[in-house]
Amino acid sequence: MDENQLLNVSEDNSLGRVEIAPEVIEVIAGIAVNEVNGVANMRGNIASNVTERLGKKKHGKGVKVELTEEGIEIDVYTVLDYGVSIPKVCEKIQDNIRTTLKNMTALEIIEINVHVVGVQIEEKSEESKPEK
């Protein structure tokens, strides 16, 4: 994906152009994914993991946006909570991304691919452990 590539979303050019950077779509999609119950976290790279440990959250982590001739394709890489219905959670992720992007940008998405890259098992808290 070309970093300088912008999406022109303005229909009426009498006042000027409205353009949206692909990074903005990544952030919106990332936030939409994290709103879905059953999502533990998103998969990122080493740089985004280090950045998060330093206190700065990267909302576009685990989201890849590709601009093609046909339209916008989104790939989401996520870790789900143990015990959830994977197909149902993935469908909710797709619906939430599509709805959120449609409301915020008026862009049509041709494809949203959800890649489940792990399952997170919650560890029992210290309070629930039996005393010795």
N, C-alpha and C. Protein backbone atom coordinates (compact mmCIF):
# COMPACT_ATOMS: atom_id res chain seq x y z
N MET A 1 0.84 -1.17 0.00
CA MET A 1 0.00 0.00 0.00
C MET A 1 0.89 1.24 0.00
N ASP A 2 0.65 2.12 -0.90
CA ASP A 2 1.40 3.36 -0.99
C ASP A 2 1.01 4.27 0.17
N GLU A 3 2.00 4.70 0.94
CA GLU A 3 1.73 5.51 2.12
C GLU A 3 1.12 6.86 1.78
N ASN A 4 1.38 7.39 0.58
CA ASN A 4 0.86 8.70 0.20
C ASN A 4 -0.51 8.61 -0.46
N GLN A 5 -1.04 7.42 -0.58
CA GLN A 5 -2.32 7.22 -1.24
C GLN A 5 -3.45 7.68 -0.33
N LEU A 6 -4.31 8.56 -0.84
CA LEU A 6 -5.45 9.05 -0.08
C LEU A 6 -6.73 8.68 -0.80
N LEU A 7 -7.79 8.50 -0.03
CA LEU A 7 -9.09 8.19 -0.60
C LEU A 7 -9.88 9.48 -0.73
N ASN A 8 -10.31 9.79 -1.92
CA ASN A 8 -11.12 10.97 -2.15
C ASN A 8 -12.57 10.60 -1.87
N VAL A 9 -13.18 11.23 -0.86
CA VAL A 9 -14.54 10.87 -0.48
C VAL A 9 -15.55 11.99 -0.73
N SER A 10 -15.10 13.10 -1.28
CA SER A 10 -16.02 14.22 -1.50
C SER A 10 -16.77 14.03 -2.80
N GLU A 11 -18.09 14.24 -2.73
CA GLU A 11 -18.92 14.13 -3.91
C GLU A 11 -19.07 15.50 -4.59
N ASP A 12 -19.11 16.54 -3.79
CA ASP A 12 -19.29 17.90 -4.30
C ASP A 12 -17.96 18.63 -4.12
N ASN A 13 -17.30 18.95 -5.24
CA ASN A 13 -16.00 19.60 -5.17
C ASN A 13 -16.08 21.13 -5.16
N SER A 14 -17.27 21.71 -5.00
CA SER A 14 -17.39 23.16 -5.04
C SER A 14 -16.69 23.83 -3.86
N LEU A 15 -16.61 23.14 -2.73
CA LEU A 15 -15.94 23.71 -1.55
C LEU A 15 -14.51 23.20 -1.40
N GLY A 16 -14.16 22.18 -2.10
CA GLY A 16 -12.83 21.58 -1.98
C GLY A 16 -12.95 20.07 -1.86
N ARG A 17 -11.81 19.42 -1.68
CA ARG A 17 -11.78 17.96 -1.61
C ARG A 17 -11.71 17.48 -0.17
N VAL A 18 -12.26 16.30 0.04
CA VAL A 18 -12.13 15.62 1.33
C VAL A 18 -11.42 14.30 1.05
N GLU A 19 -10.28 14.12 1.70
CA GLU A 19 -9.49 12.91 1.50
C GLU A 19 -9.25 12.24 2.85
N ILE A 20 -9.23 10.90 2.83
CA ILE A 20 -8.99 10.13 4.04
C ILE A 20 -7.78 9.23 3.82
N ALA A 21 -6.82 9.30 4.72
CA ALA A 21 -5.63 8.45 4.64
C ALA A 21 -5.98 7.03 5.05
N PRO A 22 -5.36 6.03 4.44
CA PRO A 22 -5.61 4.63 4.83
C PRO A 22 -5.34 4.36 6.31
N GLU A 23 -4.42 5.10 6.91
CA GLU A 23 -4.12 4.92 8.33
C GLU A 23 -5.34 5.26 9.19
N VAL A 24 -6.14 6.21 8.74
CA VAL A 24 -7.35 6.58 9.47
C VAL A 24 -8.34 5.42 9.46
N ILE A 25 -8.45 4.75 8.33
CA ILE A 25 -9.33 3.59 8.22
C ILE A 25 -8.84 2.47 9.14
N GLU A 26 -7.53 2.30 9.23
CA GLU A 26 -6.97 1.29 10.13
C GLU A 26 -7.34 1.57 11.58
N VAL A 27 -7.23 2.84 11.99
CA VAL A 27 -7.55 3.21 13.37
C VAL A 27 -9.03 3.00 13.65
N ILE A 28 -9.90 3.45 12.74
CA ILE A 28 -11.35 3.28 12.94
C ILE A 28 -11.70 1.80 13.03
N ALA A 29 -11.14 0.99 12.13
CA ALA A 29 -11.42 -0.46 12.14
C ALA A 29 -10.89 -1.11 13.42
N GLY A 30 -9.70 -0.69 13.86
CA GLY A 30 -9.12 -1.24 15.09
C GLY A 30 -9.97 -0.96 16.31
N ILE A 31 -10.49 0.26 16.41
CA ILE A 31 -11.36 0.61 17.53
C ILE A 31 -12.66 -0.18 17.44
N ALA A 32 -13.21 -0.33 16.22
CA ALA A 32 -14.45 -1.09 16.04
C ALA A 32 -14.27 -2.55 16.46
N VAL A 33 -13.11 -3.13 16.18
CA VAL A 33 -12.85 -4.52 16.57
C VAL A 33 -12.83 -4.64 18.09
N ASN A 34 -12.15 -3.71 18.75
CA ASN A 34 -12.01 -3.79 20.21
C ASN A 34 -13.32 -3.54 20.95
N GLU A 35 -14.33 -3.01 20.27
CA GLU A 35 -15.65 -2.81 20.88
C GLU A 35 -16.45 -4.12 20.97
N VAL A 36 -16.05 -5.14 20.24
CA VAL A 36 -16.80 -6.40 20.18
C VAL A 36 -16.44 -7.27 21.39
N ASN A 37 -17.49 -7.78 22.07
CA ASN A 37 -17.27 -8.70 23.19
C ASN A 37 -16.68 -9.99 22.67
N GLY A 38 -15.66 -10.49 23.37
CA GLY A 38 -15.00 -11.72 22.97
C GLY A 38 -13.64 -11.50 22.36
N VAL A 39 -13.31 -10.24 22.03
CA VAL A 39 -11.99 -9.92 21.48
C VAL A 39 -11.05 -9.64 22.65
N ALA A 40 -9.99 -10.43 22.76
CA ALA A 40 -9.02 -10.25 23.84
C ALA A 40 -8.04 -9.11 23.49
N ASN A 41 -7.46 -9.17 22.29
CA ASN A 41 -6.56 -8.12 21.83
C ASN A 41 -6.29 -8.32 20.35
N MET A 42 -5.47 -7.43 19.82
CA MET A 42 -5.12 -7.48 18.40
C MET A 42 -3.65 -7.85 18.29
N ARG A 43 -3.31 -8.50 17.19
CA ARG A 43 -1.91 -8.86 16.97
C ARG A 43 -1.20 -7.69 16.31
N GLY A 44 -0.07 -7.36 16.85
CA GLY A 44 0.74 -6.30 16.26
C GLY A 44 2.14 -6.80 16.01
N ASN A 45 3.02 -5.87 15.67
CA ASN A 45 4.42 -6.23 15.49
C ASN A 45 5.21 -5.82 16.72
N ILE A 46 6.50 -6.07 16.71
CA ILE A 46 7.35 -5.77 17.87
C ILE A 46 7.33 -4.29 18.19
N ALA A 47 7.37 -3.44 17.17
CA ALA A 47 7.39 -1.99 17.41
C ALA A 47 6.12 -1.52 18.09
N SER A 48 4.96 -2.03 17.66
CA SER A 48 3.70 -1.59 18.28
C SER A 48 3.59 -2.13 19.70
N ASN A 49 4.12 -3.32 19.96
CA ASN A 49 4.09 -3.88 21.31
C ASN A 49 4.97 -3.07 22.26
N VAL A 50 6.14 -2.65 21.79
CA VAL A 50 7.03 -1.82 22.61
C VAL A 50 6.38 -0.47 22.88
N THR A 51 5.78 0.11 21.85
CA THR A 51 5.11 1.41 21.99
C THR A 51 4.00 1.33 23.02
N GLU A 52 3.22 0.25 23.01
CA GLU A 52 2.14 0.09 23.98
C GLU A 52 2.68 -0.04 25.40
N ARG A 53 3.80 -0.72 25.56
CA ARG A 53 4.39 -0.86 26.89
C ARG A 53 4.87 0.48 27.43
N LEU A 54 5.19 1.40 26.53
CA LEU A 54 5.61 2.73 26.95
C LEU A 54 4.42 3.65 27.20
N GLY A 55 3.21 3.14 27.03
CA GLY A 55 2.02 3.90 27.39
C GLY A 55 1.24 4.50 26.24
N LYS A 56 1.68 4.31 25.01
CA LYS A 56 0.96 4.87 23.87
C LYS A 56 0.26 3.74 23.13
N LYS A 57 -1.07 3.79 23.12
CA LYS A 57 -1.85 2.73 22.47
C LYS A 57 -1.94 2.99 20.98
N LYS A 58 -1.67 1.95 20.19
CA LYS A 58 -1.77 2.06 18.73
C LYS A 58 -3.06 1.38 18.32
N HIS A 59 -4.08 2.18 17.97
CA HIS A 59 -5.40 1.65 17.67
C HIS A 59 -5.47 0.90 16.35
N GLY A 60 -4.55 1.15 15.44
CA GLY A 60 -4.57 0.46 14.15
C GLY A 60 -3.82 -0.86 14.17
N LYS A 61 -3.37 -1.28 15.35
CA LYS A 61 -2.60 -2.50 15.48
C LYS A 61 -3.44 -3.70 15.07
N GLY A 62 -2.89 -4.57 14.23
CA GLY A 62 -3.58 -5.77 13.82
C GLY A 62 -4.55 -5.57 12.67
N VAL A 63 -4.53 -4.39 12.05
CA VAL A 63 -5.43 -4.10 10.93
C VAL A 63 -4.59 -3.72 9.71
N LYS A 64 -4.90 -4.34 8.58
CA LYS A 64 -4.21 -4.02 7.33
C LYS A 64 -5.27 -3.59 6.32
N VAL A 65 -5.09 -2.40 5.75
CA VAL A 65 -6.02 -1.88 4.74
C VAL A 65 -5.32 -1.90 3.40
N GLU A 66 -6.01 -2.46 2.40
CA GLU A 66 -5.46 -2.48 1.05
C GLU A 66 -6.45 -1.84 0.09
N LEU A 67 -5.95 -0.88 -0.68
CA LEU A 67 -6.77 -0.20 -1.66
C LEU A 67 -6.55 -0.86 -3.01
N THR A 68 -7.60 -1.45 -3.56
CA THR A 68 -7.51 -2.13 -4.84
C THR A 68 -8.37 -1.40 -5.86
N GLU A 69 -8.33 -1.88 -7.10
CA GLU A 69 -9.16 -1.30 -8.15
C GLU A 69 -10.65 -1.48 -7.84
N GLU A 70 -11.00 -2.59 -7.20
CA GLU A 70 -12.41 -2.88 -6.89
C GLU A 70 -12.90 -2.11 -5.68
N GLY A 71 -12.01 -1.75 -4.76
CA GLY A 71 -12.42 -1.05 -3.54
C GLY A 71 -11.45 -1.31 -2.41
N ILE A 72 -11.98 -1.26 -1.19
CA ILE A 72 -11.15 -1.38 0.01
C ILE A 72 -11.28 -2.78 0.59
N GLU A 73 -10.12 -3.39 0.85
CA GLU A 73 -10.08 -4.70 1.51
C GLU A 73 -9.40 -4.51 2.87
N ILE A 74 -9.99 -5.12 3.89
CA ILE A 74 -9.46 -4.99 5.25
C ILE A 74 -9.16 -6.39 5.78
N ASP A 75 -7.97 -6.55 6.35
CA ASP A 75 -7.59 -7.78 7.04
C ASP A 75 -7.38 -7.45 8.51
N VAL A 76 -8.01 -8.23 9.38
CA VAL A 76 -7.93 -8.01 10.82
C VAL A 76 -7.30 -9.25 11.45
N TYR A 77 -6.29 -9.05 12.28
CA TYR A 77 -5.60 -10.14 12.97
C TYR A 77 -5.88 -10.00 14.46
N THR A 78 -6.62 -10.96 15.03
CA THR A 78 -7.10 -10.80 16.39
C THR A 78 -6.91 -12.05 17.23
N VAL A 79 -6.90 -11.83 18.53
CA VAL A 79 -6.87 -12.91 19.52
C VAL A 79 -8.20 -12.85 20.26
N LEU A 80 -8.89 -13.99 20.34
CA LEU A 80 -10.20 -14.03 20.98
C LEU A 80 -10.11 -14.65 22.37
N ASP A 81 -11.12 -14.35 23.19
CA ASP A 81 -11.21 -14.95 24.51
C ASP A 81 -11.58 -16.42 24.39
N TYR A 82 -11.05 -17.23 25.29
CA TYR A 82 -11.37 -18.65 25.31
C TYR A 82 -12.86 -18.82 25.65
N GLY A 83 -13.52 -19.75 24.95
CA GLY A 83 -14.89 -20.09 25.26
C GLY A 83 -15.94 -19.37 24.43
N VAL A 84 -15.55 -18.39 23.63
CA VAL A 84 -16.53 -17.68 22.79
C VAL A 84 -16.75 -18.46 21.50
N SER A 85 -17.87 -18.19 20.86
CA SER A 85 -18.15 -18.79 19.56
C SER A 85 -17.37 -18.00 18.51
N ILE A 86 -16.34 -18.61 17.95
CA ILE A 86 -15.47 -17.92 17.01
C ILE A 86 -16.23 -17.40 15.79
N PRO A 87 -17.08 -18.20 15.14
CA PRO A 87 -17.81 -17.67 13.98
C PRO A 87 -18.70 -16.48 14.33
N LYS A 88 -19.38 -16.53 15.49
CA LYS A 88 -20.27 -15.44 15.88
C LYS A 88 -19.48 -14.16 16.17
N VAL A 89 -18.37 -14.28 16.90
CA VAL A 89 -17.57 -13.11 17.22
C VAL A 89 -16.98 -12.51 15.94
N CYS A 90 -16.51 -13.36 15.03
CA CYS A 90 -15.94 -12.86 13.77
C CYS A 90 -17.00 -12.15 12.93
N GLU A 91 -18.21 -12.67 12.93
CA GLU A 91 -19.30 -12.01 12.20
C GLU A 91 -19.61 -10.64 12.82
N LYS A 92 -19.60 -10.58 14.15
CA LYS A 92 -19.84 -9.30 14.84
C LYS A 92 -18.72 -8.31 14.52
N ILE A 93 -17.48 -8.81 14.44
CA ILE A 93 -16.35 -7.95 14.08
C ILE A 93 -16.57 -7.36 12.69
N GLN A 94 -16.92 -8.22 11.74
CA GLN A 94 -17.14 -7.75 10.37
C GLN A 94 -18.28 -6.73 10.30
N ASP A 95 -19.38 -7.02 10.98
CA ASP A 95 -20.52 -6.10 10.98
C ASP A 95 -20.16 -4.76 11.61
N ASN A 96 -19.45 -4.80 12.73
CA ASN A 96 -19.10 -3.56 13.44
C ASN A 96 -18.14 -2.70 12.62
N ILE A 97 -17.17 -3.33 11.97
CA ILE A 97 -16.24 -2.57 11.11
C ILE A 97 -17.00 -1.93 9.96
N ARG A 98 -17.84 -2.71 9.29
CA ARG A 98 -18.58 -2.20 8.12
C ARG A 98 -19.49 -1.04 8.54
N THR A 99 -20.25 -1.21 9.63
CA THR A 99 -21.17 -0.17 10.09
C THR A 99 -20.43 1.09 10.51
N THR A 100 -19.37 0.92 11.29
CA THR A 100 -18.62 2.08 11.79
C THR A 100 -17.98 2.85 10.64
N LEU A 101 -17.35 2.15 9.71
CA LEU A 101 -16.72 2.84 8.57
C LEU A 101 -17.75 3.50 7.67
N LYS A 102 -18.90 2.86 7.50
CA LYS A 102 -19.96 3.44 6.67
C LYS A 102 -20.47 4.74 7.30
N ASN A 103 -20.68 4.72 8.62
CA ASN A 103 -21.18 5.90 9.32
C ASN A 103 -20.17 7.04 9.36
N MET A 104 -18.90 6.71 9.56
CA MET A 104 -17.88 7.75 9.73
C MET A 104 -17.29 8.26 8.42
N THR A 105 -17.24 7.40 7.39
CA THR A 105 -16.54 7.79 6.16
C THR A 105 -17.38 7.70 4.89
N ALA A 106 -18.51 7.02 4.95
CA ALA A 106 -19.37 6.78 3.79
C ALA A 106 -18.67 5.94 2.73
N LEU A 107 -17.63 5.20 3.12
CA LEU A 107 -16.92 4.33 2.18
C LEU A 107 -17.53 2.94 2.19
N GLU A 108 -17.57 2.33 1.02
CA GLU A 108 -18.03 0.95 0.90
C GLU A 108 -16.82 0.03 0.96
N ILE A 109 -16.90 -0.97 1.81
CA ILE A 109 -15.83 -1.95 1.96
C ILE A 109 -16.24 -3.20 1.19
N ILE A 110 -15.34 -3.69 0.33
CA ILE A 110 -15.70 -4.88 -0.45
C ILE A 110 -15.41 -6.18 0.29
N GLU A 111 -14.44 -6.14 1.21
CA GLU A 111 -14.05 -7.39 1.87
C GLU A 111 -13.46 -7.09 3.24
N ILE A 112 -13.92 -7.82 4.26
CA ILE A 112 -13.35 -7.75 5.60
C ILE A 112 -12.99 -9.17 6.00
N ASN A 113 -11.70 -9.46 6.06
CA ASN A 113 -11.21 -10.79 6.43
C ASN A 113 -10.74 -10.77 7.88
N VAL A 114 -11.27 -11.69 8.68
CA VAL A 114 -10.88 -11.78 10.08
C VAL A 114 -10.00 -13.01 10.24
N HIS A 115 -8.80 -12.80 10.74
CA HIS A 115 -7.84 -13.88 10.98
C HIS A 115 -7.70 -14.05 12.50
N VAL A 116 -8.17 -15.18 13.01
CA VAL A 116 -8.02 -15.46 14.44
C VAL A 116 -6.65 -16.10 14.61
N VAL A 117 -5.74 -15.38 15.27
CA VAL A 117 -4.36 -15.84 15.39
C VAL A 117 -4.05 -16.41 16.77
N GLY A 118 -5.06 -16.43 17.64
CA GLY A 118 -4.83 -16.98 18.96
C GLY A 118 -6.07 -16.94 19.82
N VAL A 119 -6.01 -17.68 20.93
CA VAL A 119 -7.07 -17.69 21.92
C VAL A 119 -6.43 -17.40 23.26
N GLN A 120 -7.01 -16.46 23.98
CA GLN A 120 -6.45 -16.08 25.28
C GLN A 120 -7.25 -16.74 26.38
N ILE A 121 -6.54 -17.49 27.22
CA ILE A 121 -7.16 -18.13 28.37
C ILE A 121 -6.91 -17.22 29.57
N GLU A 122 -7.99 -16.78 30.20
CA GLU A 122 -7.84 -15.88 31.35
C GLU A 122 -7.28 -16.66 32.53
N GLU A 123 -6.27 -16.07 33.17
CA GLU A 123 -5.70 -16.69 34.35
C GLU A 123 -6.56 -16.34 35.55
N LYS A 124 -6.64 -17.28 36.49
CA LYS A 124 -7.43 -17.02 37.70
C LYS A 124 -6.73 -15.96 38.53
N SER A 125 -7.52 -15.11 39.13
CA SER A 125 -6.94 -14.05 39.95
C SER A 125 -6.42 -14.63 41.25
N GLU A 126 -5.63 -13.83 41.94
CA GLU A 126 -5.04 -14.26 43.20
C GLU A 126 -6.11 -14.58 44.24
N GLU A 127 -7.25 -13.87 44.20
CA GLU A 127 -8.30 -14.05 45.19
C GLU A 127 -8.98 -15.41 45.06
N SER A 128 -9.07 -15.95 43.83
CA SER A 128 -9.79 -17.19 43.62
C SER A 128 -8.93 -18.43 43.86
N LYS A 129 -7.63 -18.24 44.07
CA LYS A 129 -6.76 -19.39 44.34
C LYS A 129 -6.99 -19.90 45.76
N PRO A 130 -7.02 -21.21 45.93
CA PRO A 130 -7.22 -21.76 47.29
C PRO A 130 -6.00 -21.48 48.16
N GLU A 131 -6.27 -21.24 49.42
CA GLU A 131 -5.18 -20.97 50.36
C GLU A 131 -4.53 -22.27 50.79
N LYS A 132 -3.24 -22.21 51.10
CA LYS A 132 -2.52 -23.42 51.49
C LYS A 132 -2.40 -23.47 52.98
